[in-house]
């Protein structure tokens, strides 16, 4: 990459993985240079669409999409830096359910089922063969090029490929360590966006931040029962393996950041000031 190359942030916005708050911070910092891309059918075409789109829109410095198809395009004069947030797959389930049941105007199968079902009935339905894999190895799938026929439980080789992709993500983050993730993102972006400030006011949050992931998982287990909870864990064994590898990689990256504790404290102070100022 030469000094003249243009950097574009690509946010691979995974459903219910805290991406709305990241988008809020990017939009605040970059203004019209940030695009929340909602043309899902176009974006699903993959690099053949995304590459020309970025070349045709030179003012775009960051793009977020729920429907990114990997791999990213390789473009002369451009470097694409991806943000991708991961979350414990079982802890994530309650957030998915609560979000879908609140979508009063949505006619998607998930929203319709959530509105008419208890959490346990919704989870059981989501685990049925042929039902969309929203809570079943969702993150492994998002790390792989899309293909028809990917089984509900990806094979070990596919999980390893997904983990290789996750380790290659320039701005790898964890929902469970959100502020630390944003500190690392600032560090990665500062050479290209001097003065970048990703302090935030949490957006689209359906669960209290004072409740830990472990507490949410325990509450889910109490809600759906031990048998269904064990099945949920078993069905998500590939995603749990991926998540464990991401946790290890993220820990290594944050530990390598100079003065990490001081930077995190300073970042959280900025967030507090922003919340007190109303955003």
C-alpha atoms as a PDB file:
ATOM      1  CA  UNK A   1       0.000   0.000   0.000  1.00  0.00           C
ATOM      2  CA  UNK A   2       1.409   3.399  -0.960  1.00  0.00           C
ATOM      3  CA  UNK A   3       0.843   6.626   0.945  1.00  0.00           C
ATOM      4  CA  UNK A   4      -1.523   7.711  -1.833  1.00  0.00           C
ATOM      5  CA  UNK A   5      -3.797   4.708  -1.421  1.00  0.00           C
ATOM      6  CA  UNK A   6      -7.284   5.422  -0.118  1.00  0.00           C
ATOM      7  CA  UNK A   7      -8.357   3.532   2.994  1.00  0.00           C
ATOM      8  CA  UNK A   8     -11.988   2.447   3.214  1.00  0.00           C
ATOM      9  CA  UNK A   9     -13.398   0.957   6.410  1.00  0.00           C
ATOM     10  CA  UNK A  10     -15.727  -1.974   5.721  1.00  0.00           C
ATOM     11  CA  UNK A  11     -17.935  -2.816   8.680  1.00  0.00           C
ATOM     12  CA  UNK A  12     -19.137  -6.400   8.361  1.00  0.00           C
ATOM     13  CA  UNK A  13     -22.180  -5.646  10.501  1.00  0.00           C
ATOM     14  CA  UNK A  14     -23.292  -8.902  12.107  1.00  0.00           C
ATOM     15  CA  UNK A  15     -26.873  -8.963  13.365  1.00  0.00           C
ATOM     16  CA  UNK A  16     -27.111  -8.250  17.125  1.00  0.00           C
ATOM     17  CA  UNK A  17     -23.352  -7.895  17.567  1.00  0.00           C
ATOM     18  CA  UNK A  18     -23.334  -4.245  18.710  1.00  0.00           C
ATOM     19  CA  UNK A  19     -22.818  -2.942  15.196  1.00  0.00           C
ATOM     20  CA  UNK A  20     -25.322  -0.087  15.451  1.00  0.00           C
ATOM     21  CA  UNK A  21     -23.198   1.645  18.075  1.00  0.00           C
ATOM     22  CA  UNK A  22     -20.109   1.300  15.875  1.00  0.00           C
ATOM     23  CA  UNK A  23     -22.023   2.760  12.935  1.00  0.00           C
ATOM     24  CA  UNK A  24     -23.206   5.648  15.128  1.00  0.00           C
ATOM     25  CA  UNK A  25     -19.627   6.506  16.077  1.00  0.00           C
ATOM     26  CA  UNK A  26     -18.367   6.228  12.491  1.00  0.00           C
ATOM     27  CA  UNK A  27     -21.221   8.360  11.156  1.00  0.00           C
ATOM     28  CA  UNK A  28     -20.576  11.020  13.786  1.00  0.00           C
ATOM     29  CA  UNK A  29     -16.870  11.159  12.919  1.00  0.00           C
ATOM     30  CA  UNK A  30     -17.063  10.826   9.128  1.00  0.00           C
ATOM     31  CA  UNK A  31     -20.389  12.448   8.264  1.00  0.00           C
ATOM     32  CA  UNK A  32     -21.408  11.906   4.644  1.00  0.00           C
ATOM     33  CA  UNK A  33     -18.256   9.842   4.044  1.00  0.00           C
ATOM     34  CA  UNK A  34     -19.960   7.048   6.018  1.00  0.00           C
ATOM     35  CA  UNK A  35     -22.535   4.895   4.198  1.00  0.00           C
ATOM     36  CA  UNK A  36     -24.996   2.546   5.889  1.00  0.00           C
ATOM     37  CA  UNK A  37     -25.559   0.363   2.823  1.00  0.00           C
ATOM     38  CA  UNK A  38     -29.052  -1.142   2.728  1.00  0.00           C
ATOM     39  CA  UNK A  39     -29.255  -2.427  -0.867  1.00  0.00           C
ATOM     40  CA  UNK A  40     -29.107  -6.006   0.320  1.00  0.00           C
ATOM     41  CA  UNK A  41     -29.656  -7.741  -3.014  1.00  0.00           C
ATOM     42  CA  UNK A  42     -26.820  -5.759  -4.603  1.00  0.00           C
ATOM     43  CA  UNK A  43     -24.438  -6.333  -1.706  1.00  0.00           C
ATOM     44  CA  UNK A  44     -25.058 -10.079  -1.766  1.00  0.00           C
ATOM     45  CA  UNK A  45     -23.398 -10.125  -5.208  1.00  0.00           C
ATOM     46  CA  UNK A  46     -20.082  -9.830  -3.385  1.00  0.00           C
ATOM     47  CA  UNK A  47     -16.841  -8.310  -4.656  1.00  0.00           C
ATOM     48  CA  UNK A  48     -18.265  -7.901  -8.153  1.00  0.00           C
ATOM     49  CA  UNK A  49     -20.643  -5.275  -6.770  1.00  0.00           C
ATOM     50  CA  UNK A  50     -18.692  -3.819  -3.846  1.00  0.00           C
ATOM     51  CA  UNK A  51     -15.513  -3.114  -5.821  1.00  0.00           C
ATOM     52  CA  UNK A  52     -17.162  -1.020  -8.560  1.00  0.00           C
ATOM     53  CA  UNK A  53     -19.358   0.700  -5.975  1.00  0.00           C
ATOM     54  CA  UNK A  54     -16.330   1.943  -4.041  1.00  0.00           C
ATOM     55  CA  UNK A  55     -14.530   3.040  -7.204  1.00  0.00           C
ATOM     56  CA  UNK A  56     -17.644   4.904  -8.383  1.00  0.00           C
ATOM     57  CA  UNK A  57     -18.046   6.636  -5.002  1.00  0.00           C
ATOM     58  CA  UNK A  58     -14.658   8.132  -4.138  1.00  0.00           C
ATOM     59  CA  UNK A  59     -16.117  10.124  -1.255  1.00  0.00           C
ATOM     60  CA  UNK A  60     -16.882   6.994   0.766  1.00  0.00           C
ATOM     61  CA  UNK A  61     -14.446   6.415   3.644  1.00  0.00           C
ATOM     62  CA  UNK A  62     -16.515   3.834   5.545  1.00  0.00           C
ATOM     63  CA  UNK A  63     -19.298   1.461   4.579  1.00  0.00           C
ATOM     64  CA  UNK A  64     -21.433  -0.744   6.801  1.00  0.00           C
ATOM     65  CA  UNK A  65     -23.565  -3.632   5.591  1.00  0.00           C
ATOM     66  CA  UNK A  66     -25.420  -6.606   7.065  1.00  0.00           C
ATOM     67  CA  UNK A  67     -24.895  -8.580   3.865  1.00  0.00           C
ATOM     68  CA  UNK A  68     -21.197  -8.512   3.118  1.00  0.00           C
ATOM     69  CA  UNK A  69     -20.071 -11.474   1.011  1.00  0.00           C
ATOM     70  CA  UNK A  70     -16.451 -12.428   1.535  1.00  0.00           C
ATOM     71  CA  UNK A  71     -13.805 -12.237   0.242  1.00  0.00           C
ATOM     72  CA  UNK A  72     -13.354  -8.495  -0.096  1.00  0.00           C
ATOM     73  CA  UNK A  73     -12.411  -7.134  -3.523  1.00  0.00           C
ATOM     74  CA  UNK A  74      -8.787  -6.288  -4.318  1.00  0.00           C
ATOM     75  CA  UNK A  75      -8.614  -2.841  -5.902  1.00  0.00           C
ATOM     76  CA  UNK A  76      -5.693  -0.809  -7.168  1.00  0.00           C
ATOM     77  CA  UNK A  77      -5.269   2.385  -5.161  1.00  0.00           C
ATOM     78  CA  UNK A  78      -7.599   1.199  -2.393  1.00  0.00           C
ATOM     79  CA  UNK A  79      -7.027  -0.626   0.857  1.00  0.00           C
ATOM     80  CA  UNK A  80     -10.048  -2.096   2.599  1.00  0.00           C
ATOM     81  CA  UNK A  81      -9.858  -2.455   6.384  1.00  0.00           C
ATOM     82  CA  UNK A  82     -12.606  -4.611   7.864  1.00  0.00           C
ATOM     83  CA  UNK A  83     -14.332  -4.283  11.219  1.00  0.00           C
ATOM     84  CA  UNK A  84     -15.962  -7.458  12.489  1.00  0.00           C
ATOM     85  CA  UNK A  85     -17.467  -7.940  15.933  1.00  0.00           C
ATOM     86  CA  UNK A  86     -17.971 -11.369  17.502  1.00  0.00           C
ATOM     87  CA  UNK A  87     -20.153 -12.395  20.425  1.00  0.00           C
ATOM     88  CA  UNK A  88     -20.646 -15.498  22.545  1.00  0.00           C
ATOM     89  CA  UNK A  89     -23.199 -17.405  20.429  1.00  0.00           C
ATOM     90  CA  UNK A  90     -25.384 -18.608  23.304  1.00  0.00           C
ATOM     91  CA  UNK A  91     -25.373 -15.300  25.179  1.00  0.00           C
ATOM     92  CA  UNK A  92     -26.426 -13.635  21.896  1.00  0.00           C
ATOM     93  CA  UNK A  93     -29.672 -15.643  21.602  1.00  0.00           C
ATOM     94  CA  UNK A  94     -31.798 -13.609  24.024  1.00  0.00           C
ATOM     95  CA  UNK A  95     -30.836 -10.395  22.254  1.00  0.00           C
ATOM     96  CA  UNK A  96     -31.894 -11.856  18.902  1.00  0.00           C
ATOM     97  CA  UNK A  97     -35.240 -13.036  20.280  1.00  0.00           C
ATOM     98  CA  UNK A  98     -36.052  -9.770  22.028  1.00  0.00           C
ATOM     99  CA  UNK A  99     -35.136  -7.744  18.948  1.00  0.00           C
ATOM    100  CA  UNK A 100     -37.243  -9.867  16.594  1.00  0.00           C
ATOM    101  CA  UNK A 101     -40.335  -9.842  18.795  1.00  0.00           C
ATOM    102  CA  UNK A 102     -40.265  -6.021  18.891  1.00  0.00           C
ATOM    103  CA  UNK A 103     -40.350  -5.715  15.090  1.00  0.00           C
ATOM    104  CA  UNK A 104     -44.083  -5.017  14.955  1.00  0.00           C
ATOM    105  CA  UNK A 105     -44.205  -4.114  11.277  1.00  0.00           C
ATOM    106  CA  UNK A 106     -41.849  -6.820  10.073  1.00  0.00           C
ATOM    107  CA  UNK A 107     -43.199  -9.834   8.206  1.00  0.00           C
ATOM    108  CA  UNK A 108     -39.985 -11.860   8.241  1.00  0.00           C
ATOM    109  CA  UNK A 109     -40.355 -15.448   9.477  1.00  0.00           C
ATOM    110  CA  UNK A 110     -38.218 -14.676  12.520  1.00  0.00           C
ATOM    111  CA  UNK A 111     -40.203 -11.621  13.568  1.00  0.00           C
ATOM    112  CA  UNK A 112     -43.530 -13.379  13.040  1.00  0.00           C
ATOM    113  CA  UNK A 113     -42.426 -16.405  15.072  1.00  0.00           C
ATOM    114  CA  UNK A 114     -40.926 -14.321  17.876  1.00  0.00           C
ATOM    115  CA  UNK A 115     -44.086 -12.238  18.269  1.00  0.00           C
ATOM    116  CA  UNK A 116     -46.277 -15.319  18.647  1.00  0.00           C
ATOM    117  CA  UNK A 117     -43.887 -17.507  20.688  1.00  0.00           C
ATOM    118  CA  UNK A 118     -42.244 -17.826  24.034  1.00  0.00           C
ATOM    119  CA  UNK A 119     -38.465 -17.669  24.081  1.00  0.00           C
ATOM    120  CA  UNK A 120     -38.211 -21.447  24.438  1.00  0.00           C
ATOM    121  CA  UNK A 121     -40.576 -22.080  21.512  1.00  0.00           C
ATOM    122  CA  UNK A 122     -38.656 -19.577  19.403  1.00  0.00           C
ATOM    123  CA  UNK A 123     -35.305 -21.218  20.197  1.00  0.00           C
ATOM    124  CA  UNK A 124     -36.679 -24.684  19.449  1.00  0.00           C
ATOM    125  CA  UNK A 125     -38.052 -23.435  16.113  1.00  0.00           C
ATOM    126  CA  UNK A 126     -34.773 -21.748  15.198  1.00  0.00           C
ATOM    127  CA  UNK A 127     -32.955 -25.042  15.730  1.00  0.00           C
ATOM    128  CA  UNK A 128     -35.194 -26.977  13.347  1.00  0.00           C
ATOM    129  CA  UNK A 129     -33.586 -28.119  10.059  1.00  0.00           C
ATOM    130  CA  UNK A 130     -34.237 -25.696   7.232  1.00  0.00           C
ATOM    131  CA  UNK A 131     -34.968 -22.693   9.460  1.00  0.00           C
ATOM    132  CA  UNK A 132     -32.680 -19.698   8.956  1.00  0.00           C
ATOM    133  CA  UNK A 133     -29.450 -20.064  10.917  1.00  0.00           C
ATOM    134  CA  UNK A 134     -29.805 -16.818  12.878  1.00  0.00           C
ATOM    135  CA  UNK A 135     -28.849 -18.463  16.189  1.00  0.00           C
ATOM    136  CA  UNK A 136     -27.063 -21.539  14.849  1.00  0.00           C
ATOM    137  CA  UNK A 137     -23.401 -21.135  13.868  1.00  0.00           C
ATOM    138  CA  UNK A 138     -24.254 -17.721  12.505  1.00  0.00           C
ATOM    139  CA  UNK A 139     -20.757 -16.302  12.960  1.00  0.00           C
ATOM    140  CA  UNK A 140     -18.950 -19.212  11.303  1.00  0.00           C
ATOM    141  CA  UNK A 141     -21.169 -18.677   8.275  1.00  0.00           C
ATOM    142  CA  UNK A 142     -20.410 -14.957   8.212  1.00  0.00           C
ATOM    143  CA  UNK A 143     -16.687 -15.719   7.988  1.00  0.00           C
ATOM    144  CA  UNK A 144     -17.064 -17.971   4.934  1.00  0.00           C
ATOM    145  CA  UNK A 145     -17.911 -17.184   1.313  1.00  0.00           C
ATOM    146  CA  UNK A 146     -21.625 -17.830   0.861  1.00  0.00           C
ATOM    147  CA  UNK A 147     -22.554 -21.132  -0.724  1.00  0.00           C
ATOM    148  CA  UNK A 148     -25.651 -23.231  -0.992  1.00  0.00           C
ATOM    149  CA  UNK A 149     -25.716 -26.454   0.933  1.00  0.00           C
ATOM    150  CA  UNK A 150     -23.558 -25.412   3.881  1.00  0.00           C
ATOM    151  CA  UNK A 151     -24.778 -27.812   6.586  1.00  0.00           C
ATOM    152  CA  UNK A 152     -26.420 -26.610   9.782  1.00  0.00           C
ATOM    153  CA  UNK A 153     -23.295 -27.821  11.567  1.00  0.00           C
ATOM    154  CA  UNK A 154     -20.220 -26.790   9.550  1.00  0.00           C
ATOM    155  CA  UNK A 155     -17.414 -29.343   9.394  1.00  0.00           C
ATOM    156  CA  UNK A 156     -14.186 -28.967  11.336  1.00  0.00           C
ATOM    157  CA  UNK A 157     -12.302 -27.811   8.232  1.00  0.00           C
ATOM    158  CA  UNK A 158     -14.848 -25.041   7.664  1.00  0.00           C
ATOM    159  CA  UNK A 159     -14.537 -23.898  11.269  1.00  0.00           C
ATOM    160  CA  UNK A 160     -10.761 -23.691  10.843  1.00  0.00           C
ATOM    161  CA  UNK A 161     -11.212 -21.626   7.690  1.00  0.00           C
ATOM    162  CA  UNK A 162     -13.602 -19.324   9.539  1.00  0.00           C
ATOM    163  CA  UNK A 163     -11.083 -18.902  12.345  1.00  0.00           C
ATOM    164  CA  UNK A 164      -8.325 -18.106   9.838  1.00  0.00           C
ATOM    165  CA  UNK A 165     -10.580 -15.405   8.384  1.00  0.00           C
ATOM    166  CA  UNK A 166     -11.354 -14.006  11.832  1.00  0.00           C
ATOM    167  CA  UNK A 167      -7.662 -13.833  12.717  1.00  0.00           C
ATOM    168  CA  UNK A 168      -7.020 -11.935   9.482  1.00  0.00           C
ATOM    169  CA  UNK A 169      -9.608  -9.231  10.271  1.00  0.00           C
ATOM    170  CA  UNK A 170      -7.710  -5.992  10.784  1.00  0.00           C
ATOM    171  CA  UNK A 171     -10.194  -4.604  13.309  1.00  0.00           C
ATOM    172  CA  UNK A 172     -11.354  -7.662  15.215  1.00  0.00           C
ATOM    173  CA  UNK A 173     -13.669  -6.997  18.139  1.00  0.00           C
ATOM    174  CA  UNK A 174     -15.661  -8.654  20.899  1.00  0.00           C
ATOM    175  CA  UNK A 175     -19.054  -7.490  22.103  1.00  0.00           C
ATOM    176  CA  UNK A 176     -18.086  -8.667  25.584  1.00  0.00           C
ATOM    177  CA  UNK A 177     -15.094  -6.308  25.452  1.00  0.00           C
ATOM    178  CA  UNK A 178     -16.664  -3.522  23.478  1.00  0.00           C
ATOM    179  CA  UNK A 179     -14.689  -0.563  24.829  1.00  0.00           C
ATOM    180  CA  UNK A 180     -11.384  -2.403  24.434  1.00  0.00           C
ATOM    181  CA  UNK A 181     -12.410  -3.167  20.853  1.00  0.00           C
ATOM    182  CA  UNK A 182     -13.024   0.506  20.117  1.00  0.00           C
ATOM    183  CA  UNK A 183      -9.636   1.429  21.587  1.00  0.00           C
ATOM    184  CA  UNK A 184      -7.980  -1.035  19.206  1.00  0.00           C
ATOM    185  CA  UNK A 185     -10.005   0.329  16.289  1.00  0.00           C
ATOM    186  CA  UNK A 186      -8.885   3.867  17.081  1.00  0.00           C
ATOM    187  CA  UNK A 187      -5.279   2.688  17.165  1.00  0.00           C
ATOM    188  CA  UNK A 188      -5.632   1.029  13.753  1.00  0.00           C
ATOM    189  CA  UNK A 189      -7.373   4.022  12.176  1.00  0.00           C
ATOM    190  CA  UNK A 190      -5.400   6.921  13.640  1.00  0.00           C
ATOM    191  CA  UNK A 191      -2.649   6.879  10.948  1.00  0.00           C
ATOM    192  CA  UNK A 192      -5.334   7.340   8.286  1.00  0.00           C
ATOM    193  CA  UNK A 193      -7.868   9.402  10.237  1.00  0.00           C
ATOM    194  CA  UNK A 194      -5.878  11.603  12.652  1.00  0.00           C
ATOM    195  CA  UNK A 195      -7.884  12.521  15.716  1.00  0.00           C
ATOM    196  CA  UNK A 196     -10.407   9.700  15.214  1.00  0.00           C
ATOM    197  CA  UNK A 197     -12.710   9.494  18.229  1.00  0.00           C
ATOM    198  CA  UNK A 198     -14.949   6.430  18.549  1.00  0.00           C
ATOM    199  CA  UNK A 199     -16.357   7.288  21.959  1.00  0.00           C
ATOM    200  CA  UNK A 200     -20.028   6.409  21.945  1.00  0.00           C
ATOM    201  CA  UNK A 201     -23.468   6.487  23.421  1.00  0.00           C
ATOM    202  CA  UNK A 202     -24.835   2.913  23.172  1.00  0.00           C
ATOM    203  CA  UNK A 203     -27.417   2.521  20.401  1.00  0.00           C
ATOM    204  CA  UNK A 204     -30.162  -0.067  19.805  1.00  0.00           C
ATOM    205  CA  UNK A 205     -29.432  -1.801  23.104  1.00  0.00           C
ATOM    206  CA  UNK A 206     -32.122  -4.256  24.170  1.00  0.00           C
ATOM    207  CA  UNK A 207     -30.373  -5.528  27.290  1.00  0.00           C
ATOM    208  CA  UNK A 208     -28.879  -3.816  30.318  1.00  0.00           C
ATOM    209  CA  UNK A 209     -25.129  -3.327  30.085  1.00  0.00           C
ATOM    210  CA  UNK A 210     -24.927  -3.943  33.844  1.00  0.00           C
ATOM    211  CA  UNK A 211     -25.801  -7.604  33.292  1.00  0.00           C
ATOM    212  CA  UNK A 212     -22.840  -9.755  32.294  1.00  0.00           C
ATOM    213  CA  UNK A 213     -22.853 -12.214  29.436  1.00  0.00           C
ATOM    214  CA  UNK A 214     -22.600 -15.077  31.913  1.00  0.00           C
ATOM    215  CA  UNK A 215     -25.663 -13.771  33.770  1.00  0.00           C
ATOM    216  CA  UNK A 216     -27.616 -13.482  30.509  1.00  0.00           C
ATOM    217  CA  UNK A 217     -26.673 -17.050  29.583  1.00  0.00           C
ATOM    218  CA  UNK A 218     -27.814 -18.261  33.008  1.00  0.00           C
ATOM    219  CA  UNK A 219     -31.121 -16.425  32.658  1.00  0.00           C
ATOM    220  CA  UNK A 220     -31.611 -17.977  29.216  1.00  0.00           C
ATOM    221  CA  UNK A 221     -30.968 -21.433  30.665  1.00  0.00           C
ATOM    222  CA  UNK A 222     -33.528 -20.807  33.388  1.00  0.00           C
ATOM    223  CA  UNK A 223     -36.023 -19.581  30.769  1.00  0.00           C
ATOM    224  CA  UNK A 224     -35.738 -22.368  28.190  1.00  0.00           C
ATOM    225  CA  UNK A 225     -34.760 -25.257  30.472  1.00  0.00           C
ATOM    226  CA  UNK A 226     -31.691 -27.439  30.739  1.00  0.00           C
ATOM    227  CA  UNK A 227     -32.557 -29.800  27.881  1.00  0.00           C
ATOM    228  CA  UNK A 228     -33.119 -27.136  25.226  1.00  0.00           C
ATOM    229  CA  UNK A 229     -30.165 -25.136  26.520  1.00  0.00           C
ATOM    230  CA  UNK A 230     -27.895 -28.171  26.158  1.00  0.00           C
ATOM    231  CA  UNK A 231     -29.181 -28.680  22.619  1.00  0.00           C
ATOM    232  CA  UNK A 232     -28.516 -25.018  21.829  1.00  0.00           C
ATOM    233  CA  UNK A 233     -24.923 -25.380  23.008  1.00  0.00           C
ATOM    234  CA  UNK A 234     -24.453 -28.619  21.085  1.00  0.00           C
ATOM    235  CA  UNK A 235     -25.876 -27.190  17.862  1.00  0.00           C
ATOM    236  CA  UNK A 236     -23.565 -24.187  18.220  1.00  0.00           C
ATOM    237  CA  UNK A 237     -20.399 -26.161  18.918  1.00  0.00           C
ATOM    238  CA  UNK A 238     -18.697 -24.785  15.756  1.00  0.00           C
ATOM    239  CA  UNK A 239     -19.575 -21.188  16.694  1.00  0.00           C
ATOM    240  CA  UNK A 240     -18.374 -21.778  20.253  1.00  0.00           C
ATOM    241  CA  UNK A 241     -15.059 -23.055  18.879  1.00  0.00           C
ATOM    242  CA  UNK A 242     -14.765 -19.992  16.655  1.00  0.00           C
ATOM    243  CA  UNK A 243     -15.608 -17.673  19.542  1.00  0.00           C
ATOM    244  CA  UNK A 244     -12.937 -19.264  21.757  1.00  0.00           C
ATOM    245  CA  UNK A 245     -10.332 -18.672  19.054  1.00  0.00           C
ATOM    246  CA  UNK A 246     -11.446 -15.060  18.622  1.00  0.00           C
ATOM    247  CA  UNK A 247     -11.248 -14.464  22.383  1.00  0.00           C
ATOM    248  CA  UNK A 248      -7.669 -15.750  22.354  1.00  0.00           C
ATOM    249  CA  UNK A 249      -6.670 -13.617  19.360  1.00  0.00           C
ATOM    250  CA  UNK A 250      -8.349 -10.520  20.759  1.00  0.00           C
ATOM    251  CA  UNK A 251      -6.636 -10.973  24.113  1.00  0.00           C
ATOM    252  CA  UNK A 252      -3.268 -11.192  22.403  1.00  0.00           C
ATOM    253  CA  UNK A 253      -3.903  -7.999  20.432  1.00  0.00           C
ATOM    254  CA  UNK A 254      -5.088  -5.961  23.388  1.00  0.00           C
ATOM    255  CA  UNK A 255      -2.218  -7.158  25.576  1.00  0.00           C
ATOM    256  CA  UNK A 256       0.218  -5.986  22.884  1.00  0.00           C
ATOM    257  CA  UNK A 257      -1.229  -2.453  22.833  1.00  0.00           C
ATOM    258  CA  UNK A 258       1.153  -0.007  24.564  1.00  0.00           C
ATOM    259  CA  UNK A 259      -0.328   1.516  27.733  1.00  0.00           C
ATOM    260  CA  UNK A 260      -3.549  -0.437  27.132  1.00  0.00           C
ATOM    261  CA  UNK A 261      -5.046   0.175  30.579  1.00  0.00           C
ATOM    262  CA  UNK A 262      -4.435   3.924  30.442  1.00  0.00           C
ATOM    263  CA  UNK A 263      -5.883   4.160  26.940  1.00  0.00           C
ATOM    264  CA  UNK A 264      -8.964   2.246  27.979  1.00  0.00           C
ATOM    265  CA  UNK A 265      -9.515   4.502  30.988  1.00  0.00           C
ATOM    266  CA  UNK A 266      -9.128   7.610  28.816  1.00  0.00           C
ATOM    267  CA  UNK A 267     -11.561   6.200  26.234  1.00  0.00           C
ATOM    268  CA  UNK A 268     -14.161   5.446  28.888  1.00  0.00           C
ATOM    269  CA  UNK A 269     -13.800   8.966  30.252  1.00  0.00           C
ATOM    270  CA  UNK A 270     -14.541  10.308  26.753  1.00  0.00           C
ATOM    271  CA  UNK A 271     -17.613   8.073  26.547  1.00  0.00           C
ATOM    272  CA  UNK A 272     -18.820   9.334  29.913  1.00  0.00           C
ATOM    273  CA  UNK A 273     -18.407  12.949  28.834  1.00  0.00           C
ATOM    274  CA  UNK A 274     -20.297  12.249  25.614  1.00  0.00           C
ATOM    275  CA  UNK A 275     -23.179  10.579  27.454  1.00  0.00           C
ATOM    276  CA  UNK A 276     -23.370  13.463  29.928  1.00  0.00           C
ATOM    277  CA  UNK A 277     -23.468  15.900  27.011  1.00  0.00           C
ATOM    278  CA  UNK A 278     -26.321  13.989  25.421  1.00  0.00           C
ATOM    279  CA  UNK A 279     -24.286  12.485  22.551  1.00  0.00           C
END
